[in-house]
Amino acid sequence: MAKNIAVIGNSDSIEYFRLLGCETYETRGGVLTQEQFDEVVKRRFKIILVTEEVFHRYKDRIRLRTLRMFPVVSVIPDVRGAVWTNQGPRPGGVAFEEIRAAVVKAVGQDIAPK
């Protein structure tokens, strides 16, 4: 299963996914060339996860990919930008909102707690 997943982002944010056996693509400062992104898409992954830093830089290109069935492209929080409380990371930011929008699109309603 992990071989069907690609993760793009800074080394701190993607290391855990590498340990799980996912294909990882490290960026420096969120920089990813069109050729690099195209190469990831050509590999026919089922799921591509990108950090918030990468998403902000390439959101138009990434959103074009989300219009297709596969690969599913989703945003994950960047470890460096996480806001932690006593209960763990605080929900919010672009990763949370993108996932919420995907759920609403898939099931037809917002199921996240208010």
Protein backbone atom coordinates (compact mmCIF):
# COMPACT_ATOMS: atom_id res chain seq x y z
CA MET A 1 0.00 0.00 0.00
CA ALA A 2 2.74 2.50 0.93
CA LYS A 3 4.31 2.05 -2.51
CA ASN A 4 1.19 3.71 -3.99
CA ILE A 5 1.80 6.86 -1.94
CA ALA A 6 4.17 9.76 -2.74
CA VAL A 7 4.95 12.48 -0.23
CA ILE A 8 6.46 15.84 -1.24
CA GLY A 9 7.90 18.30 1.27
CA ASN A 10 10.80 19.26 3.51
CA SER A 11 12.83 16.47 5.10
CA ASP A 12 11.45 17.04 8.62
CA SER A 13 7.86 16.66 7.45
CA ILE A 14 8.31 13.64 5.18
CA GLU A 15 10.77 11.48 7.15
CA TYR A 16 8.02 9.53 8.94
CA PHE A 17 6.42 8.65 5.60
CA ARG A 18 9.79 7.47 4.26
CA LEU A 19 10.07 5.11 7.25
CA LEU A 20 6.62 3.74 6.42
CA GLY A 21 7.80 2.84 2.92
CA CYS A 22 6.24 5.70 0.95
CA GLU A 23 8.13 7.29 -1.95
CA THR A 24 9.34 10.68 -0.74
CA TYR A 25 10.46 13.74 -2.68
CA GLU A 26 12.37 16.27 -0.62
CA THR A 27 12.09 19.96 -1.39
CA ARG A 28 14.23 22.86 -0.24
CA GLY A 29 12.13 25.85 0.73
CA GLY A 30 9.07 24.27 -0.88
CA VAL A 31 10.64 24.44 -4.35
CA LEU A 32 9.50 21.80 -6.82
CA THR A 33 10.01 22.17 -10.55
CA GLN A 34 7.27 21.44 -13.08
CA GLU A 35 9.40 18.53 -14.31
CA GLN A 36 9.69 17.08 -10.79
CA PHE A 37 5.94 17.34 -10.23
CA ASP A 38 5.22 15.80 -13.64
CA GLU A 39 7.61 12.94 -12.84
CA VAL A 40 5.75 12.19 -9.60
CA VAL A 41 2.41 12.20 -11.44
CA LYS A 42 3.78 9.96 -14.23
CA ARG A 43 4.75 7.32 -11.65
CA ARG A 44 1.02 6.61 -11.29
CA PHE A 45 0.76 6.91 -7.52
CA LYS A 46 -2.75 6.56 -6.09
CA ILE A 47 -2.12 9.21 -3.43
CA ILE A 48 0.21 12.22 -3.43
CA LEU A 49 0.59 14.10 -0.15
CA VAL A 50 2.15 17.57 -0.16
CA THR A 51 3.11 19.77 2.76
CA GLU A 52 1.44 23.15 3.24
CA GLU A 53 4.63 24.87 2.09
CA VAL A 54 4.54 23.02 -1.25
CA PHE A 55 0.78 23.55 -1.57
CA HIS A 56 1.07 27.32 -1.13
CA ARG A 57 3.72 27.54 -3.82
CA TYR A 58 1.95 25.27 -6.35
CA LYS A 59 -1.74 25.32 -5.40
CA ASP A 60 -3.02 26.06 -8.91
CA ARG A 61 -1.09 23.13 -10.39
CA ILE A 62 -2.12 20.84 -7.52
CA ARG A 63 -5.78 21.82 -7.74
CA LEU A 64 -5.78 20.90 -11.44
CA ARG A 65 -4.69 17.39 -10.44
CA THR A 66 -7.47 17.11 -7.85
CA LEU A 67 -10.08 17.37 -10.60
CA ARG A 68 -9.09 13.88 -11.75
CA MET A 69 -9.86 10.60 -9.99
CA PHE A 70 -6.21 9.56 -9.56
CA PRO A 71 -3.89 10.49 -8.13
CA VAL A 72 -5.61 11.89 -5.09
CA VAL A 73 -3.59 14.93 -4.03
CA SER A 74 -3.97 16.06 -0.43
CA VAL A 75 -2.27 18.56 1.85
CA ILE A 76 -0.61 17.55 5.10
CA PRO A 77 0.51 19.92 7.84
CA ASP A 78 4.12 21.02 7.73
CA VAL A 79 5.95 19.93 10.90
CA ARG A 80 7.78 23.25 11.05
CA GLY A 81 4.55 25.26 11.03
CA ALA A 82 2.41 23.13 13.36
CA VAL A 83 0.71 24.89 16.27
CA TRP A 84 0.62 22.58 19.29
CA THR A 85 -1.66 22.77 22.32
CA ASN A 86 -1.90 20.48 25.36
CA GLN A 87 -4.22 18.24 23.33
CA GLY A 88 -1.82 18.00 20.35
CA PRO A 89 -1.68 19.88 17.06
CA ARG A 90 -4.35 22.52 16.67
CA PRO A 91 -6.71 21.87 13.75
CA GLY A 92 -6.66 24.68 11.27
CA GLY A 93 -4.55 26.03 8.48
CA VAL A 94 -4.71 25.13 4.84
CA ALA A 95 -4.23 21.36 5.36
CA PHE A 96 -7.28 21.14 7.59
CA GLU A 97 -9.42 23.25 5.27
CA GLU A 98 -8.38 21.33 2.13
CA ILE A 99 -9.17 17.99 3.79
CA ARG A 100 -12.48 19.35 5.07
CA ALA A 101 -13.40 20.53 1.54
CA ALA A 102 -12.51 17.10 0.12
CA VAL A 103 -14.74 15.38 2.69
CA VAL A 104 -17.62 17.75 1.95
CA LYS A 105 -17.21 17.05 -1.75
CA ALA A 106 -17.09 13.28 -1.17
CA VAL A 107 -19.97 12.87 1.29
CA GLY A 108 -22.02 15.97 0.59
CA GLN A 109 -21.84 17.50 4.04
CA ASP A 110 -19.41 18.88 6.61
CA ILE A 111 -18.78 16.20 9.24
CA ALA A 112 -16.01 18.02 11.14
CA PRO A 113 -16.85 19.02 14.71
CA LYS A 114 -17.66 22.68 15.23
